[in-house]
């Protein structure tokens, strides 16, 4: 595994873990140390990828936005507008049923 790939894996792990923690505990109640402890990365590695907690939060929001746009693209399939809306509502219902609205 090259350094770039290893760094990308670390960055993705930090994003995923920080997103989960912030969703569970809230932004103000999640510290950088919480994220470091949960991910096992060194503080310097975290700050290499994300210079501040705010930068990390913006990256989480950008990733969430990308996932949401992809979800909408997948969900809005169909030839007729009513069919597309029905598919969207089905996808939203299925997604929220699966997650049970957990998180903040």
C-alpha atoms as a PDB file:
ATOM      1  CA  UNK A   1       0.000   0.000   0.000  1.00  0.00           C
ATOM      2  CA  UNK A   2       1.473   3.340  -0.987  1.00  0.00           C
ATOM      3  CA  UNK A   3       1.525   6.401   1.251  1.00  0.00           C
ATOM      4  CA  UNK A   4      -1.209   8.141  -0.732  1.00  0.00           C
ATOM      5  CA  UNK A   5      -3.580   5.212  -0.380  1.00  0.00           C
ATOM      6  CA  UNK A   6      -2.773   4.825   3.312  1.00  0.00           C
ATOM      7  CA  UNK A   7      -3.412   8.542   3.835  1.00  0.00           C
ATOM      8  CA  UNK A   8      -6.703   8.366   1.948  1.00  0.00           C
ATOM      9  CA  UNK A   9      -7.793   5.398   4.070  1.00  0.00           C
ATOM     10  CA  UNK A  10      -6.884   7.278   7.251  1.00  0.00           C
ATOM     11  CA  UNK A  11      -8.736  10.386   6.087  1.00  0.00           C
ATOM     12  CA  UNK A  12     -11.846   8.360   5.216  1.00  0.00           C
ATOM     13  CA  UNK A  13     -11.737   6.571   8.585  1.00  0.00           C
ATOM     14  CA  UNK A  14     -11.488   9.891  10.429  1.00  0.00           C
ATOM     15  CA  UNK A  15     -14.383  11.342   8.412  1.00  0.00           C
ATOM     16  CA  UNK A  16     -16.607   8.328   9.008  1.00  0.00           C
ATOM     17  CA  UNK A  17     -15.821   8.064  12.709  1.00  0.00           C
ATOM     18  CA  UNK A  18     -16.082  11.799  13.374  1.00  0.00           C
ATOM     19  CA  UNK A  19     -19.389  11.917  11.520  1.00  0.00           C
ATOM     20  CA  UNK A  20     -20.772   9.107  13.681  1.00  0.00           C
ATOM     21  CA  UNK A  21     -19.539  10.699  16.919  1.00  0.00           C
ATOM     22  CA  UNK A  22     -20.849  14.160  16.050  1.00  0.00           C
ATOM     23  CA  UNK A  23     -24.170  12.633  15.020  1.00  0.00           C
ATOM     24  CA  UNK A  24     -24.416  10.748  18.321  1.00  0.00           C
ATOM     25  CA  UNK A  25     -23.031  13.360  20.731  1.00  0.00           C
ATOM     26  CA  UNK A  26     -23.383  16.662  18.895  1.00  0.00           C
ATOM     27  CA  UNK A  27     -20.689  19.000  17.586  1.00  0.00           C
ATOM     28  CA  UNK A  28     -19.948  20.771  20.873  1.00  0.00           C
ATOM     29  CA  UNK A  29     -19.852  17.533  22.871  1.00  0.00           C
ATOM     30  CA  UNK A  30     -17.407  15.801  20.513  1.00  0.00           C
ATOM     31  CA  UNK A  31     -13.779  16.703  21.081  1.00  0.00           C
ATOM     32  CA  UNK A  32     -10.788  16.142  18.842  1.00  0.00           C
ATOM     33  CA  UNK A  33      -9.518  13.789  21.551  1.00  0.00           C
ATOM     34  CA  UNK A  34     -12.755  11.756  21.270  1.00  0.00           C
ATOM     35  CA  UNK A  35     -12.133  11.403  17.547  1.00  0.00           C
ATOM     36  CA  UNK A  36      -8.465  10.508  18.044  1.00  0.00           C
ATOM     37  CA  UNK A  37      -9.358   7.884  20.624  1.00  0.00           C
ATOM     38  CA  UNK A  38     -12.107   6.367  18.460  1.00  0.00           C
ATOM     39  CA  UNK A  39      -9.990   6.255  15.296  1.00  0.00           C
ATOM     40  CA  UNK A  40      -6.637   5.391  16.811  1.00  0.00           C
ATOM     41  CA  UNK A  41      -4.868   7.967  14.633  1.00  0.00           C
ATOM     42  CA  UNK A  42      -2.208  10.258  16.000  1.00  0.00           C
ATOM     43  CA  UNK A  43      -3.137  13.889  16.580  1.00  0.00           C
ATOM     44  CA  UNK A  44      -0.608  15.025  13.961  1.00  0.00           C
ATOM     45  CA  UNK A  45      -2.162  12.737  11.346  1.00  0.00           C
ATOM     46  CA  UNK A  46      -5.629  14.085  12.062  1.00  0.00           C
ATOM     47  CA  UNK A  47      -4.436  17.686  11.837  1.00  0.00           C
ATOM     48  CA  UNK A  48      -2.529  16.898   8.627  1.00  0.00           C
ATOM     49  CA  UNK A  49      -5.839  16.031   6.948  1.00  0.00           C
ATOM     50  CA  UNK A  50      -8.038  18.495   8.859  1.00  0.00           C
ATOM     51  CA  UNK A  51      -6.313  21.612  10.290  1.00  0.00           C
ATOM     52  CA  UNK A  52      -9.200  22.268  12.707  1.00  0.00           C
ATOM     53  CA  UNK A  53     -12.386  20.741  14.065  1.00  0.00           C
ATOM     54  CA  UNK A  54     -14.303  23.191  11.894  1.00  0.00           C
ATOM     55  CA  UNK A  55     -12.443  22.003   8.767  1.00  0.00           C
ATOM     56  CA  UNK A  56     -13.279  18.422   9.710  1.00  0.00           C
ATOM     57  CA  UNK A  57     -16.933  19.376  10.162  1.00  0.00           C
ATOM     58  CA  UNK A  58     -17.024  21.076   6.760  1.00  0.00           C
ATOM     59  CA  UNK A  59     -15.541  17.944   5.176  1.00  0.00           C
ATOM     60  CA  UNK A  60     -18.223  15.849   6.905  1.00  0.00           C
ATOM     61  CA  UNK A  61     -20.938  18.166   5.557  1.00  0.00           C
ATOM     62  CA  UNK A  62     -19.461  18.051   2.046  1.00  0.00           C
ATOM     63  CA  UNK A  63     -19.400  14.240   2.151  1.00  0.00           C
ATOM     64  CA  UNK A  64     -22.974  14.139   3.475  1.00  0.00           C
ATOM     65  CA  UNK A  65     -24.034  16.473   0.663  1.00  0.00           C
ATOM     66  CA  UNK A  66     -22.320  14.262  -1.938  1.00  0.00           C
ATOM     67  CA  UNK A  67     -24.028  11.185  -0.518  1.00  0.00           C
ATOM     68  CA  UNK A  68     -27.397  12.968  -0.486  1.00  0.00           C
ATOM     69  CA  UNK A  69     -27.074  14.078  -4.116  1.00  0.00           C
ATOM     70  CA  UNK A  70     -26.108  10.521  -5.103  1.00  0.00           C
ATOM     71  CA  UNK A  71     -29.083   9.176  -3.115  1.00  0.00           C
ATOM     72  CA  UNK A  72     -31.437  11.569  -4.916  1.00  0.00           C
ATOM     73  CA  UNK A  73     -30.011  10.603  -8.308  1.00  0.00           C
ATOM     74  CA  UNK A  74     -30.513   6.904  -7.569  1.00  0.00           C
ATOM     75  CA  UNK A  75     -33.967   7.445  -6.063  1.00  0.00           C
ATOM     76  CA  UNK A  76     -35.445   9.692  -8.743  1.00  0.00           C
ATOM     77  CA  UNK A  77     -35.583   6.968 -11.376  1.00  0.00           C
ATOM     78  CA  UNK A  78     -38.615   6.551 -13.597  1.00  0.00           C
ATOM     79  CA  UNK A  79     -40.134   7.855 -16.777  1.00  0.00           C
ATOM     80  CA  UNK A  80     -43.074   9.797 -15.360  1.00  0.00           C
ATOM     81  CA  UNK A  81     -42.900  12.499 -12.658  1.00  0.00           C
ATOM     82  CA  UNK A  82     -45.354  10.659 -10.391  1.00  0.00           C
ATOM     83  CA  UNK A  83     -43.324   7.458 -10.695  1.00  0.00           C
ATOM     84  CA  UNK A  84     -40.138   9.348  -9.853  1.00  0.00           C
ATOM     85  CA  UNK A  85     -41.726  10.948  -6.775  1.00  0.00           C
ATOM     86  CA  UNK A  86     -43.105   7.592  -5.617  1.00  0.00           C
ATOM     87  CA  UNK A  87     -39.653   6.041  -5.991  1.00  0.00           C
ATOM     88  CA  UNK A  88     -38.132   8.900  -3.995  1.00  0.00           C
ATOM     89  CA  UNK A  89     -40.656   8.547  -1.158  1.00  0.00           C
ATOM     90  CA  UNK A  90     -40.121   4.773  -1.086  1.00  0.00           C
ATOM     91  CA  UNK A  91     -36.348   5.252  -0.904  1.00  0.00           C
ATOM     92  CA  UNK A  92     -36.609   7.877   1.858  1.00  0.00           C
ATOM     93  CA  UNK A  93     -38.980   5.692   3.872  1.00  0.00           C
ATOM     94  CA  UNK A  94     -36.733   2.640   3.446  1.00  0.00           C
ATOM     95  CA  UNK A  95     -33.631   4.577   4.437  1.00  0.00           C
ATOM     96  CA  UNK A  96     -35.194   6.041   7.571  1.00  0.00           C
ATOM     97  CA  UNK A  97     -36.764   2.715   8.516  1.00  0.00           C
ATOM     98  CA  UNK A  98     -33.317   1.129   8.323  1.00  0.00           C
ATOM     99  CA  UNK A  99     -31.663   3.788  10.483  1.00  0.00           C
ATOM    100  CA  UNK A 100     -34.652   4.201  12.808  1.00  0.00           C
ATOM    101  CA  UNK A 101     -34.009   7.961  12.795  1.00  0.00           C
ATOM    102  CA  UNK A 102     -30.993   7.448  15.078  1.00  0.00           C
ATOM    103  CA  UNK A 103     -28.762  10.457  15.558  1.00  0.00           C
ATOM    104  CA  UNK A 104     -29.146  14.180  15.823  1.00  0.00           C
END
